[in-house]
């Protein structure tokens, strides 16, 4: 029965550094946010190829954001997933794949050429998921981010293009 319940327990109180419990939702959110920032990994992009132990001879021209590639990605979406922060449901993208493949293909290509992403694609909803142990200890939570579905599609096309080398 516990697995079937739709309402999940919310993160309501955390223990502060001084041992007291938080009293307001904003205080709890600030505390968990600060903790996630502490433990977040910052990638060293300057030495990325060295860290990966590979010579990256990948060229931008090898990347294909064609309509057929985007259509295939849209059709492979899991329609049961939650909407992204931009309120786009994967089900909508999957059902409208034939119509959306061409405009998304153009957006992907222009974004890649301009080396920038739409602002909505840069936002994410971060949710604290309880692991185990004391629920008031912020170290017992892990961050899970919900990002834009179209951005994830673009990322997967780029990733697959890079991995083909």
C-alpha atoms as a PDB file:
ATOM      1  CA  UNK A   1       0.000   0.000   0.000  1.00  0.00           C
ATOM      2  CA  UNK A   2       2.836   2.384   0.802  1.00  0.00           C
ATOM      3  CA  UNK A   3       4.198   2.088  -2.759  1.00  0.00           C
ATOM      4  CA  UNK A   4       0.783   2.897  -4.248  1.00  0.00           C
ATOM      5  CA  UNK A   5       0.267   6.089  -2.306  1.00  0.00           C
ATOM      6  CA  UNK A   6       0.337   9.168  -4.540  1.00  0.00           C
ATOM      7  CA  UNK A   7       1.047  11.780  -1.879  1.00  0.00           C
ATOM      8  CA  UNK A   8       4.687  11.647  -0.849  1.00  0.00           C
ATOM      9  CA  UNK A   9       6.146  12.913   2.410  1.00  0.00           C
ATOM     10  CA  UNK A  10       7.350  16.480   2.111  1.00  0.00           C
ATOM     11  CA  UNK A  11      10.613  17.825   3.441  1.00  0.00           C
ATOM     12  CA  UNK A  12       9.369  20.006   6.292  1.00  0.00           C
ATOM     13  CA  UNK A  13      12.117  20.333   8.904  1.00  0.00           C
ATOM     14  CA  UNK A  14      15.884  19.999   8.912  1.00  0.00           C
ATOM     15  CA  UNK A  15      18.435  20.205  11.669  1.00  0.00           C
ATOM     16  CA  UNK A  16      20.573  23.349  11.450  1.00  0.00           C
ATOM     17  CA  UNK A  17      24.285  23.464  12.301  1.00  0.00           C
ATOM     18  CA  UNK A  18      23.444  24.695  15.821  1.00  0.00           C
ATOM     19  CA  UNK A  19      21.223  21.610  16.410  1.00  0.00           C
ATOM     20  CA  UNK A  20      17.872  23.410  16.243  1.00  0.00           C
ATOM     21  CA  UNK A  21      15.168  22.466  13.745  1.00  0.00           C
ATOM     22  CA  UNK A  22      14.017  24.798  10.997  1.00  0.00           C
ATOM     23  CA  UNK A  23      10.680  26.492  11.646  1.00  0.00           C
ATOM     24  CA  UNK A  24       9.691  27.859   8.237  1.00  0.00           C
ATOM     25  CA  UNK A  25       9.501  26.320   4.766  1.00  0.00           C
ATOM     26  CA  UNK A  26      11.777  29.025   3.349  1.00  0.00           C
ATOM     27  CA  UNK A  27      14.388  28.306   6.024  1.00  0.00           C
ATOM     28  CA  UNK A  28      14.276  24.595   5.154  1.00  0.00           C
ATOM     29  CA  UNK A  29      14.560  25.351   1.436  1.00  0.00           C
ATOM     30  CA  UNK A  30      17.526  27.672   2.008  1.00  0.00           C
ATOM     31  CA  UNK A  31      19.289  25.093   4.172  1.00  0.00           C
ATOM     32  CA  UNK A  32      18.876  22.230   1.682  1.00  0.00           C
ATOM     33  CA  UNK A  33      19.838  24.553  -1.195  1.00  0.00           C
ATOM     34  CA  UNK A  34      23.046  25.589   0.570  1.00  0.00           C
ATOM     35  CA  UNK A  35      23.876  21.925   1.243  1.00  0.00           C
ATOM     36  CA  UNK A  36      23.334  20.913  -2.390  1.00  0.00           C
ATOM     37  CA  UNK A  37      25.600  23.789  -3.499  1.00  0.00           C
ATOM     38  CA  UNK A  38      28.312  22.533  -1.113  1.00  0.00           C
ATOM     39  CA  UNK A  39      28.311  18.996  -2.460  1.00  0.00           C
ATOM     40  CA  UNK A  40      27.804  19.895  -6.126  1.00  0.00           C
ATOM     41  CA  UNK A  41      30.632  18.925  -8.474  1.00  0.00           C
ATOM     42  CA  UNK A  42      32.028  21.642 -10.706  1.00  0.00           C
ATOM     43  CA  UNK A  43      33.477  20.166 -13.891  1.00  0.00           C
ATOM     44  CA  UNK A  44      36.867  21.308 -15.199  1.00  0.00           C
ATOM     45  CA  UNK A  45      36.014  21.894 -18.848  1.00  0.00           C
ATOM     46  CA  UNK A  46      39.507  23.186 -19.680  1.00  0.00           C
ATOM     47  CA  UNK A  47      41.012  19.728 -19.184  1.00  0.00           C
ATOM     48  CA  UNK A  48      37.995  17.688 -20.255  1.00  0.00           C
ATOM     49  CA  UNK A  49      39.786  15.732 -23.002  1.00  0.00           C
ATOM     50  CA  UNK A  50      42.705  14.945 -20.682  1.00  0.00           C
ATOM     51  CA  UNK A  51      40.370  13.788 -17.913  1.00  0.00           C
ATOM     52  CA  UNK A  52      38.482  11.552 -20.323  1.00  0.00           C
ATOM     53  CA  UNK A  53      41.784  10.095 -21.537  1.00  0.00           C
ATOM     54  CA  UNK A  54      40.821  10.554 -25.186  1.00  0.00           C
ATOM     55  CA  UNK A  55      41.710  12.777 -28.060  1.00  0.00           C
ATOM     56  CA  UNK A  56      38.513  14.544 -29.054  1.00  0.00           C
ATOM     57  CA  UNK A  57      38.699  14.928 -32.834  1.00  0.00           C
ATOM     58  CA  UNK A  58      34.986  15.547 -33.083  1.00  0.00           C
ATOM     59  CA  UNK A  59      33.925  18.254 -35.519  1.00  0.00           C
ATOM     60  CA  UNK A  60      30.810  20.409 -35.397  1.00  0.00           C
ATOM     61  CA  UNK A  61      30.082  19.452 -38.991  1.00  0.00           C
ATOM     62  CA  UNK A  62      29.613  15.827 -37.919  1.00  0.00           C
ATOM     63  CA  UNK A  63      26.509  16.795 -35.959  1.00  0.00           C
ATOM     64  CA  UNK A  64      23.120  16.186 -37.572  1.00  0.00           C
ATOM     65  CA  UNK A  65      19.985  17.835 -36.203  1.00  0.00           C
ATOM     66  CA  UNK A  66      17.966  16.588 -39.173  1.00  0.00           C
ATOM     67  CA  UNK A  67      14.202  16.227 -39.016  1.00  0.00           C
ATOM     68  CA  UNK A  68      14.417  12.421 -39.111  1.00  0.00           C
ATOM     69  CA  UNK A  69      16.874  12.338 -36.180  1.00  0.00           C
ATOM     70  CA  UNK A  70      14.667  14.647 -34.089  1.00  0.00           C
ATOM     71  CA  UNK A  71      11.527  12.699 -35.080  1.00  0.00           C
ATOM     72  CA  UNK A  72      13.129   9.436 -33.919  1.00  0.00           C
ATOM     73  CA  UNK A  73      14.061  10.993 -30.554  1.00  0.00           C
ATOM     74  CA  UNK A  74      10.547  12.402 -30.078  1.00  0.00           C
ATOM     75  CA  UNK A  75       8.962   9.024 -30.810  1.00  0.00           C
ATOM     76  CA  UNK A  76      11.211   7.343 -28.241  1.00  0.00           C
ATOM     77  CA  UNK A  77      10.099   9.620 -25.381  1.00  0.00           C
ATOM     78  CA  UNK A  78       8.571   8.015 -22.308  1.00  0.00           C
ATOM     79  CA  UNK A  79       5.098   9.565 -22.218  1.00  0.00           C
ATOM     80  CA  UNK A  80       4.610   8.731 -18.527  1.00  0.00           C
ATOM     81  CA  UNK A  81       7.241  11.202 -17.325  1.00  0.00           C
ATOM     82  CA  UNK A  82       6.527  14.526 -15.620  1.00  0.00           C
ATOM     83  CA  UNK A  83       6.475  17.802 -17.503  1.00  0.00           C
ATOM     84  CA  UNK A  84       9.621  19.882 -17.499  1.00  0.00           C
ATOM     85  CA  UNK A  85       9.891  23.320 -15.839  1.00  0.00           C
ATOM     86  CA  UNK A  86       8.735  24.867 -19.116  1.00  0.00           C
ATOM     87  CA  UNK A  87       5.447  22.890 -18.736  1.00  0.00           C
ATOM     88  CA  UNK A  88       6.058  20.774 -21.844  1.00  0.00           C
ATOM     89  CA  UNK A  89       4.784  17.221 -21.363  1.00  0.00           C
ATOM     90  CA  UNK A  90       6.703  14.381 -23.048  1.00  0.00           C
ATOM     91  CA  UNK A  91       3.337  12.926 -24.087  1.00  0.00           C
ATOM     92  CA  UNK A  92       2.560  16.095 -26.059  1.00  0.00           C
ATOM     93  CA  UNK A  93       5.944  16.007 -27.779  1.00  0.00           C
ATOM     94  CA  UNK A  94       5.567  12.321 -28.608  1.00  0.00           C
ATOM     95  CA  UNK A  95       2.025  12.628 -29.964  1.00  0.00           C
ATOM     96  CA  UNK A  96       2.891  15.721 -32.034  1.00  0.00           C
ATOM     97  CA  UNK A  97       6.271  14.415 -33.229  1.00  0.00           C
ATOM     98  CA  UNK A  98       5.403  14.712 -36.932  1.00  0.00           C
ATOM     99  CA  UNK A  99       4.508  18.388 -36.531  1.00  0.00           C
ATOM    100  CA  UNK A 100       7.202  19.371 -34.016  1.00  0.00           C
ATOM    101  CA  UNK A 101      10.218  17.591 -35.533  1.00  0.00           C
ATOM    102  CA  UNK A 102      10.972  20.270 -38.145  1.00  0.00           C
ATOM    103  CA  UNK A 103      10.674  23.349 -35.872  1.00  0.00           C
ATOM    104  CA  UNK A 104      12.657  21.637 -33.114  1.00  0.00           C
ATOM    105  CA  UNK A 105      15.297  20.633 -35.646  1.00  0.00           C
ATOM    106  CA  UNK A 106      15.684  24.286 -36.667  1.00  0.00           C
ATOM    107  CA  UNK A 107      15.785  25.455 -33.030  1.00  0.00           C
ATOM    108  CA  UNK A 108      18.440  22.852 -32.184  1.00  0.00           C
ATOM    109  CA  UNK A 109      20.571  23.837 -35.189  1.00  0.00           C
ATOM    110  CA  UNK A 110      20.313  27.580 -34.509  1.00  0.00           C
ATOM    111  CA  UNK A 111      21.009  27.123 -30.796  1.00  0.00           C
ATOM    112  CA  UNK A 112      24.055  25.014 -31.528  1.00  0.00           C
ATOM    113  CA  UNK A 113      25.424  27.427 -34.113  1.00  0.00           C
ATOM    114  CA  UNK A 114      24.837  30.425 -31.818  1.00  0.00           C
ATOM    115  CA  UNK A 115      26.338  28.519 -28.848  1.00  0.00           C
ATOM    116  CA  UNK A 116      23.396  29.506 -26.657  1.00  0.00           C
ATOM    117  CA  UNK A 117      20.232  27.903 -25.331  1.00  0.00           C
ATOM    118  CA  UNK A 118      16.751  29.317 -24.827  1.00  0.00           C
ATOM    119  CA  UNK A 119      16.357  30.689 -21.301  1.00  0.00           C
ATOM    120  CA  UNK A 120      13.654  28.153 -20.378  1.00  0.00           C
ATOM    121  CA  UNK A 121      16.058  25.326 -21.146  1.00  0.00           C
ATOM    122  CA  UNK A 122      18.557  26.605 -18.593  1.00  0.00           C
ATOM    123  CA  UNK A 123      16.192  26.289 -15.639  1.00  0.00           C
ATOM    124  CA  UNK A 124      15.557  23.175 -13.601  1.00  0.00           C
ATOM    125  CA  UNK A 125      13.330  22.206 -10.720  1.00  0.00           C
ATOM    126  CA  UNK A 126      15.485  20.626  -8.014  1.00  0.00           C
ATOM    127  CA  UNK A 127      13.756  18.222  -5.650  1.00  0.00           C
ATOM    128  CA  UNK A 128      15.276  16.761  -2.490  1.00  0.00           C
ATOM    129  CA  UNK A 129      14.787  12.987  -2.404  1.00  0.00           C
ATOM    130  CA  UNK A 130      15.174  11.206   0.934  1.00  0.00           C
ATOM    131  CA  UNK A 131      17.749   8.377   0.922  1.00  0.00           C
ATOM    132  CA  UNK A 132      17.781   6.799   4.395  1.00  0.00           C
ATOM    133  CA  UNK A 133      18.504   7.593   8.016  1.00  0.00           C
ATOM    134  CA  UNK A 134      17.401  10.622  10.014  1.00  0.00           C
ATOM    135  CA  UNK A 135      14.912  12.747   8.052  1.00  0.00           C
ATOM    136  CA  UNK A 136      16.111  15.921   9.776  1.00  0.00           C
ATOM    137  CA  UNK A 137      19.712  15.461   8.541  1.00  0.00           C
ATOM    138  CA  UNK A 138      20.250  17.289   5.257  1.00  0.00           C
ATOM    139  CA  UNK A 139      23.022  14.844   4.281  1.00  0.00           C
ATOM    140  CA  UNK A 140      20.353  12.141   3.949  1.00  0.00           C
ATOM    141  CA  UNK A 141      18.809  13.816   0.897  1.00  0.00           C
ATOM    142  CA  UNK A 142      19.975  13.807  -2.691  1.00  0.00           C
ATOM    143  CA  UNK A 143      19.125  16.370  -5.355  1.00  0.00           C
ATOM    144  CA  UNK A 144      17.163  15.329  -8.420  1.00  0.00           C
ATOM    145  CA  UNK A 145      16.727  17.902 -11.163  1.00  0.00           C
ATOM    146  CA  UNK A 146      13.858  18.093 -13.602  1.00  0.00           C
ATOM    147  CA  UNK A 147      15.112  19.771 -16.777  1.00  0.00           C
ATOM    148  CA  UNK A 148      13.598  20.737 -20.117  1.00  0.00           C
ATOM    149  CA  UNK A 149      12.588  17.789 -22.310  1.00  0.00           C
ATOM    150  CA  UNK A 150      13.514  19.499 -25.627  1.00  0.00           C
ATOM    151  CA  UNK A 151      16.922  20.366 -24.148  1.00  0.00           C
ATOM    152  CA  UNK A 152      17.426  16.730 -23.108  1.00  0.00           C
ATOM    153  CA  UNK A 153      16.619  15.663 -26.676  1.00  0.00           C
ATOM    154  CA  UNK A 154      19.208  18.087 -28.058  1.00  0.00           C
ATOM    155  CA  UNK A 155      21.770  16.894 -25.502  1.00  0.00           C
ATOM    156  CA  UNK A 156      21.189  13.248 -26.424  1.00  0.00           C
ATOM    157  CA  UNK A 157      21.705  13.982 -30.135  1.00  0.00           C
ATOM    158  CA  UNK A 158      24.990  15.752 -29.360  1.00  0.00           C
ATOM    159  CA  UNK A 159      26.070  12.968 -26.982  1.00  0.00           C
ATOM    160  CA  UNK A 160      25.400  10.235 -29.536  1.00  0.00           C
ATOM    161  CA  UNK A 161      27.291  12.198 -32.183  1.00  0.00           C
ATOM    162  CA  UNK A 162      30.303  12.545 -29.848  1.00  0.00           C
ATOM    163  CA  UNK A 163      30.218   8.873 -28.868  1.00  0.00           C
ATOM    164  CA  UNK A 164      30.305   7.687 -32.460  1.00  0.00           C
ATOM    165  CA  UNK A 165      34.021   8.626 -32.589  1.00  0.00           C
END
